[in-house]
N, C-alpha and C. Protein backbone atom coordinates (compact mmCIF):
# COMPACT_ATOMS: atom_id res chain seq x y z
N MET A 1 0.81 -1.19 0.00
CA MET A 1 0.00 0.00 0.00
C MET A 1 0.85 1.26 0.00
N SER A 2 2.17 1.10 0.02
CA SER A 2 3.01 2.28 0.04
C SER A 2 2.78 3.08 -1.23
N GLY A 3 2.78 4.40 -1.08
CA GLY A 3 2.56 5.28 -2.20
C GLY A 3 1.09 5.50 -2.50
N THR A 4 0.21 4.79 -1.86
CA THR A 4 -1.22 4.93 -2.08
C THR A 4 -1.79 5.92 -1.08
N THR A 5 -2.54 6.88 -1.58
CA THR A 5 -3.17 7.85 -0.70
C THR A 5 -4.51 7.29 -0.24
N ILE A 6 -4.68 7.21 1.06
CA ILE A 6 -5.94 6.72 1.62
C ILE A 6 -6.83 7.93 1.85
N THR A 7 -8.02 7.87 1.33
CA THR A 7 -8.98 8.95 1.56
C THR A 7 -10.29 8.35 2.03
N TRP A 8 -11.03 9.16 2.73
CA TRP A 8 -12.34 8.77 3.26
C TRP A 8 -13.36 9.82 2.80
N PRO A 9 -13.72 9.83 1.51
CA PRO A 9 -14.69 10.82 1.05
C PRO A 9 -16.07 10.57 1.68
N ILE A 10 -16.81 11.65 1.85
CA ILE A 10 -18.16 11.56 2.40
C ILE A 10 -19.11 11.09 1.31
N ASP A 11 -19.87 10.05 1.60
CA ASP A 11 -20.88 9.56 0.69
C ASP A 11 -22.09 10.49 0.81
N PRO A 12 -22.44 11.21 -0.26
CA PRO A 12 -23.54 12.18 -0.16
C PRO A 12 -24.90 11.53 0.14
N ARG A 13 -25.05 10.25 -0.16
CA ARG A 13 -26.32 9.57 0.12
C ARG A 13 -26.51 9.30 1.60
N THR A 14 -25.40 8.95 2.30
CA THR A 14 -25.51 8.58 3.71
C THR A 14 -24.94 9.62 4.66
N GLY A 15 -24.04 10.47 4.16
CA GLY A 15 -23.38 11.45 5.02
C GLY A 15 -22.23 10.84 5.81
N ASN A 16 -21.93 9.57 5.57
CA ASN A 16 -20.84 8.89 6.27
C ASN A 16 -19.60 8.84 5.40
N ALA A 17 -18.45 8.82 6.05
CA ALA A 17 -17.20 8.65 5.32
C ALA A 17 -17.11 7.21 4.83
N GLN A 18 -16.51 7.02 3.66
CA GLN A 18 -16.34 5.68 3.11
C GLN A 18 -14.93 5.55 2.56
N ARG A 19 -14.24 4.51 2.95
CA ARG A 19 -12.86 4.29 2.54
C ARG A 19 -12.78 4.10 1.03
N ARG A 20 -11.80 4.77 0.41
CA ARG A 20 -11.62 4.67 -1.04
C ARG A 20 -11.09 3.31 -1.46
N ILE A 21 -10.25 2.68 -0.65
CA ILE A 21 -9.71 1.35 -0.96
C ILE A 21 -10.55 0.32 -0.23
N GLY A 22 -10.93 -0.73 -0.94
CA GLY A 22 -11.86 -1.72 -0.41
C GLY A 22 -11.31 -2.65 0.65
N PRO A 23 -12.19 -3.44 1.24
CA PRO A 23 -11.86 -4.35 2.34
C PRO A 23 -10.75 -5.35 2.08
N ALA A 24 -10.64 -5.88 0.87
CA ALA A 24 -9.61 -6.90 0.62
C ALA A 24 -8.22 -6.34 0.89
N THR A 25 -7.97 -5.11 0.46
CA THR A 25 -6.67 -4.47 0.67
C THR A 25 -6.43 -4.21 2.15
N LEU A 26 -7.41 -3.67 2.82
CA LEU A 26 -7.20 -3.34 4.22
C LEU A 26 -7.07 -4.59 5.08
N ARG A 27 -7.77 -5.64 4.76
CA ARG A 27 -7.66 -6.88 5.54
C ARG A 27 -6.26 -7.46 5.44
N LYS A 28 -5.65 -7.41 4.26
CA LYS A 28 -4.28 -7.90 4.09
C LYS A 28 -3.31 -7.11 4.96
N GLU A 29 -3.49 -5.80 5.01
CA GLU A 29 -2.60 -4.97 5.82
C GLU A 29 -2.74 -5.32 7.30
N VAL A 30 -3.96 -5.43 7.78
CA VAL A 30 -4.18 -5.74 9.20
C VAL A 30 -3.61 -7.12 9.55
N GLU A 31 -3.79 -8.09 8.68
CA GLU A 31 -3.24 -9.43 8.94
C GLU A 31 -1.72 -9.40 8.98
N THR A 32 -1.11 -8.62 8.09
CA THR A 32 0.35 -8.52 8.06
C THR A 32 0.86 -7.85 9.33
N CYS A 33 0.22 -6.78 9.76
CA CYS A 33 0.62 -6.11 11.00
C CYS A 33 0.41 -7.03 12.21
N GLY A 34 -0.63 -7.86 12.13
CA GLY A 34 -0.97 -8.74 13.24
C GLY A 34 0.12 -9.74 13.61
N LEU A 35 0.97 -10.09 12.67
CA LEU A 35 2.02 -11.06 13.00
C LEU A 35 2.86 -10.60 14.18
N CYS A 36 3.13 -9.31 14.26
CA CYS A 36 3.91 -8.78 15.39
C CYS A 36 3.03 -8.14 16.46
N HIS A 37 1.83 -7.72 16.09
CA HIS A 37 1.00 -6.95 17.01
C HIS A 37 -0.19 -7.73 17.53
N ALA A 38 -0.02 -9.02 17.72
CA ALA A 38 -1.09 -9.86 18.27
C ALA A 38 -0.54 -10.74 19.38
N ARG A 39 -1.35 -10.96 20.39
CA ARG A 39 -1.05 -12.03 21.35
C ARG A 39 -1.40 -13.31 20.62
N ARG A 40 -0.42 -14.17 20.43
CA ARG A 40 -0.68 -15.36 19.66
C ARG A 40 0.33 -16.44 19.98
N SER A 41 -0.03 -17.65 19.61
CA SER A 41 0.92 -18.76 19.67
C SER A 41 0.94 -19.37 18.28
N GLU A 42 2.08 -19.87 17.90
CA GLU A 42 2.25 -20.39 16.54
C GLU A 42 1.77 -21.82 16.43
N LEU A 43 0.97 -22.09 15.40
CA LEU A 43 0.52 -23.44 15.10
C LEU A 43 1.34 -24.02 13.95
N SER A 44 1.80 -23.14 13.07
CA SER A 44 2.55 -23.55 11.88
C SER A 44 3.47 -22.40 11.46
N GLU A 45 4.56 -22.71 10.80
CA GLU A 45 5.48 -21.70 10.29
C GLU A 45 5.14 -21.29 8.86
N ASP A 46 4.00 -21.72 8.35
CA ASP A 46 3.64 -21.51 6.95
C ASP A 46 2.88 -20.22 6.67
N TRP A 47 2.91 -19.26 7.59
CA TRP A 47 2.18 -18.01 7.39
C TRP A 47 2.73 -17.27 6.18
N VAL A 48 1.84 -16.67 5.39
CA VAL A 48 2.19 -15.89 4.21
C VAL A 48 1.65 -14.48 4.43
N PRO A 49 2.48 -13.43 4.21
CA PRO A 49 2.00 -12.05 4.41
C PRO A 49 0.67 -11.79 3.70
N GLY A 50 -0.24 -11.21 4.45
CA GLY A 50 -1.55 -10.89 3.91
C GLY A 50 -2.60 -11.96 4.11
N ARG A 51 -2.21 -13.18 4.41
CA ARG A 51 -3.16 -14.26 4.67
C ARG A 51 -3.66 -14.11 6.11
N PRO A 52 -4.84 -14.66 6.42
CA PRO A 52 -5.34 -14.56 7.79
C PRO A 52 -4.35 -15.15 8.80
N LEU A 53 -4.06 -14.39 9.81
CA LEU A 53 -3.12 -14.81 10.85
C LEU A 53 -3.62 -16.09 11.53
N SER A 54 -4.92 -16.22 11.65
CA SER A 54 -5.49 -17.39 12.33
C SER A 54 -5.30 -18.68 11.54
N ASP A 55 -4.85 -18.59 10.29
CA ASP A 55 -4.55 -19.81 9.53
C ASP A 55 -3.37 -20.57 10.13
N THR A 56 -2.45 -19.81 10.73
CA THR A 56 -1.21 -20.43 11.23
C THR A 56 -0.91 -20.11 12.69
N HIS A 57 -1.77 -19.31 13.32
CA HIS A 57 -1.55 -18.90 14.70
C HIS A 57 -2.85 -18.97 15.49
N ARG A 58 -2.75 -19.21 16.76
CA ARG A 58 -3.90 -19.13 17.66
C ARG A 58 -3.85 -17.74 18.28
N VAL A 59 -4.77 -16.89 17.87
CA VAL A 59 -4.82 -15.52 18.34
C VAL A 59 -5.65 -15.47 19.62
N SER A 60 -5.12 -14.83 20.65
CA SER A 60 -5.84 -14.71 21.92
C SER A 60 -7.11 -13.90 21.74
N ALA A 61 -8.18 -14.39 22.30
CA ALA A 61 -9.46 -13.68 22.28
C ALA A 61 -9.46 -12.61 23.36
N LEU A 62 -10.44 -11.72 23.29
CA LEU A 62 -10.60 -10.75 24.37
C LEU A 62 -10.91 -11.54 25.64
N ALA A 63 -10.07 -11.37 26.64
CA ALA A 63 -10.25 -12.14 27.87
C ALA A 63 -9.87 -11.29 29.07
N SER A 64 -10.51 -11.56 30.18
CA SER A 64 -10.19 -10.89 31.42
C SER A 64 -8.72 -11.10 31.73
N GLY A 65 -8.05 -10.04 32.12
CA GLY A 65 -6.63 -10.12 32.40
C GLY A 65 -5.77 -9.67 31.23
N LEU A 66 -6.23 -9.89 30.00
CA LEU A 66 -5.50 -9.44 28.81
C LEU A 66 -6.01 -8.09 28.33
N TYR A 67 -7.33 -7.90 28.49
CA TYR A 67 -7.97 -6.68 28.01
C TYR A 67 -8.86 -6.09 29.10
N HIS A 68 -9.08 -4.79 29.01
CA HIS A 68 -10.04 -4.13 29.90
C HIS A 68 -11.45 -4.52 29.48
N ALA A 69 -12.43 -4.24 30.32
CA ALA A 69 -13.82 -4.61 30.04
C ALA A 69 -14.34 -4.01 28.73
N ASP A 70 -13.81 -2.84 28.33
CA ASP A 70 -14.27 -2.21 27.09
C ASP A 70 -13.55 -2.73 25.85
N GLY A 71 -12.67 -3.73 26.01
CA GLY A 71 -11.96 -4.32 24.88
C GLY A 71 -10.61 -3.72 24.58
N GLN A 72 -10.24 -2.65 25.28
CA GLN A 72 -8.92 -2.06 25.06
C GLN A 72 -7.86 -2.92 25.71
N MET A 73 -6.69 -2.94 25.10
CA MET A 73 -5.60 -3.78 25.58
C MET A 73 -5.00 -3.26 26.89
N ARG A 74 -4.52 -4.18 27.70
CA ARG A 74 -3.83 -3.82 28.93
C ARG A 74 -2.35 -3.57 28.67
N ASP A 75 -1.78 -4.28 27.72
CA ASP A 75 -0.35 -4.15 27.43
C ASP A 75 -0.14 -3.45 26.09
N GLU A 76 1.02 -2.86 25.95
CA GLU A 76 1.38 -2.20 24.70
C GLU A 76 1.67 -3.24 23.62
N VAL A 77 1.46 -2.88 22.40
CA VAL A 77 1.77 -3.64 21.20
C VAL A 77 0.70 -4.66 20.81
N TYR A 78 0.15 -5.41 21.73
CA TYR A 78 -0.74 -6.51 21.36
C TYR A 78 -2.15 -6.02 21.10
N ASN A 79 -2.35 -5.27 20.04
CA ASN A 79 -3.64 -4.65 19.79
C ASN A 79 -4.44 -5.29 18.64
N TYR A 80 -3.93 -6.30 18.01
CA TYR A 80 -4.59 -6.94 16.88
C TYR A 80 -5.97 -7.50 17.26
N GLY A 81 -6.05 -8.25 18.32
CA GLY A 81 -7.31 -8.88 18.72
C GLY A 81 -8.40 -7.89 19.03
N SER A 82 -8.09 -6.89 19.82
CA SER A 82 -9.11 -5.90 20.15
C SER A 82 -9.46 -5.03 18.94
N PHE A 83 -8.47 -4.71 18.12
CA PHE A 83 -8.74 -3.90 16.93
C PHE A 83 -9.67 -4.63 15.96
N LYS A 84 -9.44 -5.91 15.74
CA LYS A 84 -10.28 -6.65 14.79
C LYS A 84 -11.72 -6.77 15.27
N GLN A 85 -11.96 -6.56 16.55
CA GLN A 85 -13.32 -6.63 17.08
C GLN A 85 -13.90 -5.24 17.34
N SER A 86 -13.22 -4.21 16.84
CA SER A 86 -13.64 -2.83 17.12
C SER A 86 -14.58 -2.26 16.06
N ARG A 87 -15.23 -1.17 16.43
CA ARG A 87 -16.07 -0.43 15.49
C ARG A 87 -15.21 0.15 14.36
N MET A 88 -14.00 0.55 14.70
CA MET A 88 -13.12 1.13 13.68
C MET A 88 -12.84 0.12 12.58
N PHE A 89 -12.47 -1.11 12.95
CA PHE A 89 -12.19 -2.15 11.96
C PHE A 89 -13.45 -2.43 11.14
N ALA A 90 -14.59 -2.54 11.79
CA ALA A 90 -15.85 -2.80 11.10
C ALA A 90 -16.18 -1.68 10.10
N ALA A 91 -15.77 -0.45 10.43
CA ALA A 91 -16.02 0.69 9.54
C ALA A 91 -15.01 0.78 8.40
N GLY A 92 -13.96 -0.06 8.45
CA GLY A 92 -12.97 -0.06 7.38
C GLY A 92 -11.65 0.60 7.71
N VAL A 93 -11.49 1.07 8.94
CA VAL A 93 -10.22 1.68 9.35
C VAL A 93 -9.14 0.60 9.38
N THR A 94 -7.95 0.94 8.98
CA THR A 94 -6.84 0.01 9.00
C THR A 94 -5.64 0.63 9.72
N CYS A 95 -4.63 -0.14 9.95
CA CYS A 95 -3.46 0.29 10.73
C CYS A 95 -2.84 1.58 10.22
N SER A 96 -2.60 1.65 8.90
CA SER A 96 -1.90 2.80 8.34
C SER A 96 -2.76 4.05 8.25
N ASP A 97 -4.05 3.96 8.53
CA ASP A 97 -4.87 5.17 8.60
C ASP A 97 -4.46 6.01 9.80
N CYS A 98 -4.03 5.36 10.85
CA CYS A 98 -3.70 6.06 12.09
C CYS A 98 -2.20 6.11 12.37
N HIS A 99 -1.46 5.11 11.90
CA HIS A 99 -0.03 4.99 12.19
C HIS A 99 0.79 4.97 10.92
N GLU A 100 1.94 5.63 10.95
CA GLU A 100 2.91 5.50 9.86
C GLU A 100 3.49 4.11 10.03
N PRO A 101 3.34 3.22 9.05
CA PRO A 101 3.69 1.81 9.26
C PRO A 101 5.16 1.52 9.56
N HIS A 102 6.07 2.38 9.14
CA HIS A 102 7.48 2.07 9.37
C HIS A 102 8.03 2.66 10.66
N SER A 103 7.40 3.71 11.16
CA SER A 103 7.87 4.30 12.41
C SER A 103 6.90 4.06 13.56
N ALA A 104 5.66 3.67 13.26
CA ALA A 104 4.58 3.46 14.23
C ALA A 104 4.11 4.75 14.88
N LYS A 105 4.61 5.90 14.42
CA LYS A 105 4.15 7.18 14.95
C LYS A 105 2.74 7.45 14.47
N LEU A 106 1.96 8.13 15.31
CA LEU A 106 0.60 8.52 14.91
C LEU A 106 0.68 9.53 13.77
N ARG A 107 -0.25 9.47 12.86
CA ARG A 107 -0.29 10.38 11.73
C ARG A 107 -0.72 11.78 12.12
N ALA A 108 -1.36 11.92 13.26
CA ALA A 108 -1.79 13.23 13.77
C ALA A 108 -1.84 13.14 15.29
N ALA A 109 -1.76 14.27 15.96
CA ALA A 109 -1.77 14.30 17.42
C ALA A 109 -3.18 14.16 17.98
N ALA A 110 -3.28 13.49 19.11
CA ALA A 110 -4.52 13.36 19.89
C ALA A 110 -5.72 12.99 19.02
N ASP A 111 -6.81 13.73 19.11
CA ASP A 111 -8.03 13.44 18.35
C ASP A 111 -7.85 13.66 16.86
N GLY A 112 -6.78 14.33 16.48
CA GLY A 112 -6.54 14.58 15.06
C GLY A 112 -6.42 13.29 14.27
N VAL A 113 -5.94 12.24 14.90
CA VAL A 113 -5.82 10.97 14.21
C VAL A 113 -7.20 10.41 13.86
N CYS A 114 -8.19 10.66 14.69
CA CYS A 114 -9.56 10.23 14.40
C CYS A 114 -10.23 11.17 13.39
N ARG A 115 -9.99 12.44 13.55
CA ARG A 115 -10.65 13.42 12.70
C ARG A 115 -10.09 13.44 11.28
N GLN A 116 -8.89 12.90 11.07
CA GLN A 116 -8.30 12.97 9.73
C GLN A 116 -9.14 12.29 8.67
N CYS A 117 -9.86 11.25 9.02
CA CYS A 117 -10.69 10.60 8.02
C CYS A 117 -12.17 10.89 8.24
N GLN A 118 -12.46 11.78 9.14
CA GLN A 118 -13.82 12.24 9.43
C GLN A 118 -14.76 11.12 9.82
N LEU A 119 -14.21 10.09 10.48
CA LEU A 119 -15.04 8.96 10.91
C LEU A 119 -15.55 9.12 12.34
N THR A 120 -15.13 10.17 13.02
CA THR A 120 -15.51 10.31 14.41
C THR A 120 -17.01 10.21 14.60
N ARG A 121 -17.75 10.90 13.77
CA ARG A 121 -19.22 10.89 13.90
C ARG A 121 -19.76 9.49 13.68
N LYS A 122 -19.27 8.79 12.66
CA LYS A 122 -19.79 7.46 12.35
C LYS A 122 -19.42 6.46 13.43
N ILE A 123 -18.18 6.49 13.89
CA ILE A 123 -17.72 5.52 14.89
C ILE A 123 -18.37 5.75 16.24
N ARG A 124 -18.42 7.00 16.65
CA ARG A 124 -18.97 7.32 17.97
C ARG A 124 -20.49 7.45 17.95
N GLY A 125 -21.06 7.54 16.76
CA GLY A 125 -22.52 7.64 16.65
C GLY A 125 -23.03 9.01 16.95
N ARG A 126 -22.18 10.04 16.81
CA ARG A 126 -22.61 11.41 17.06
C ARG A 126 -21.77 12.33 16.23
N ASP A 127 -22.12 13.58 16.18
CA ASP A 127 -21.41 14.56 15.39
C ASP A 127 -20.00 14.76 15.92
N ALA A 128 -19.02 14.84 15.04
CA ALA A 128 -17.60 14.97 15.42
C ALA A 128 -17.33 16.25 16.17
N SER A 129 -18.15 17.29 15.97
CA SER A 129 -17.89 18.54 16.67
C SER A 129 -18.43 18.54 18.10
N SER A 130 -19.21 17.53 18.45
CA SER A 130 -19.73 17.43 19.82
C SER A 130 -18.63 17.00 20.78
N PRO A 131 -18.65 17.45 22.03
CA PRO A 131 -17.62 17.04 22.99
C PRO A 131 -17.77 15.58 23.38
């Protein structure tokens, strides 16, 4: 996906942002990031970049002790499991929408990372300008 500009244009019919690149592309990216960013145990060494991580790994489910009650991770880095079960993932958000993939730095500070694709209203279920 390097060199590809990700945009979230507003669909005039629904008023919601919609990702310009479809689910197949974003799923491959999330699965590739998941190899390092998931709590998992290896079942096989045959994993191929972009293929579902669960084909070759047992990915930890959201569980007491690993995640908070709201699904957020307790430890740094292991965010694949909670992210794949999030509203953001369901809406089409992918890793590189929020993070520069090679440095892991956020693409914008604080709420700016959410507002950059104008999904705040859709994800939170309210207008982005509301507190």
